[in-house]
Amino acid sequence: PPAAGGEQQQQEQEQEEDLPPWARDEAGGGGGSAGLPQLPYGVYLLVSCWFLIAATGTVFEYIYKEPIFGVLEATSFLYTPACAVLFTGASFGAVKFWGTATKLANEENERDGYGQ
């Protein structure tokens, strides 16, 4: 009978409303674009910290004139540009990953009802 189908649909909808927002997203197959799972924002924070450590290490290599990766000696004319490129790349990567982590955390807060 059509009334029974309507009741069942209403019960399923009420059960879905009882779920927290993050559980509704998971039940609906929520994920990143193109069907790929989205990494949690903590992963992006971890990678940004790794990039910041790499940038700091580059500064110390330049100050103390240590060979870059044990290969490029401080006497080489490529030493300063290599340090600059490594520092800039690591800094850019850190900023990019930190921004992504912040964006994902804010989206999660908005889904959970803690929007800013």
Foldseek 3Di string as FASTA:
>chain_A
DVVVVVVVVVVVVVVLVPDFLVVNCVVVLHADPPSDHDDALVVLQVLLVVLVVQLVVLVVCQVVQPADVNPRGSVDPCSVVVSVVSNVVSNVSSVVSNVVSVVNVQVVCVSRPNHD
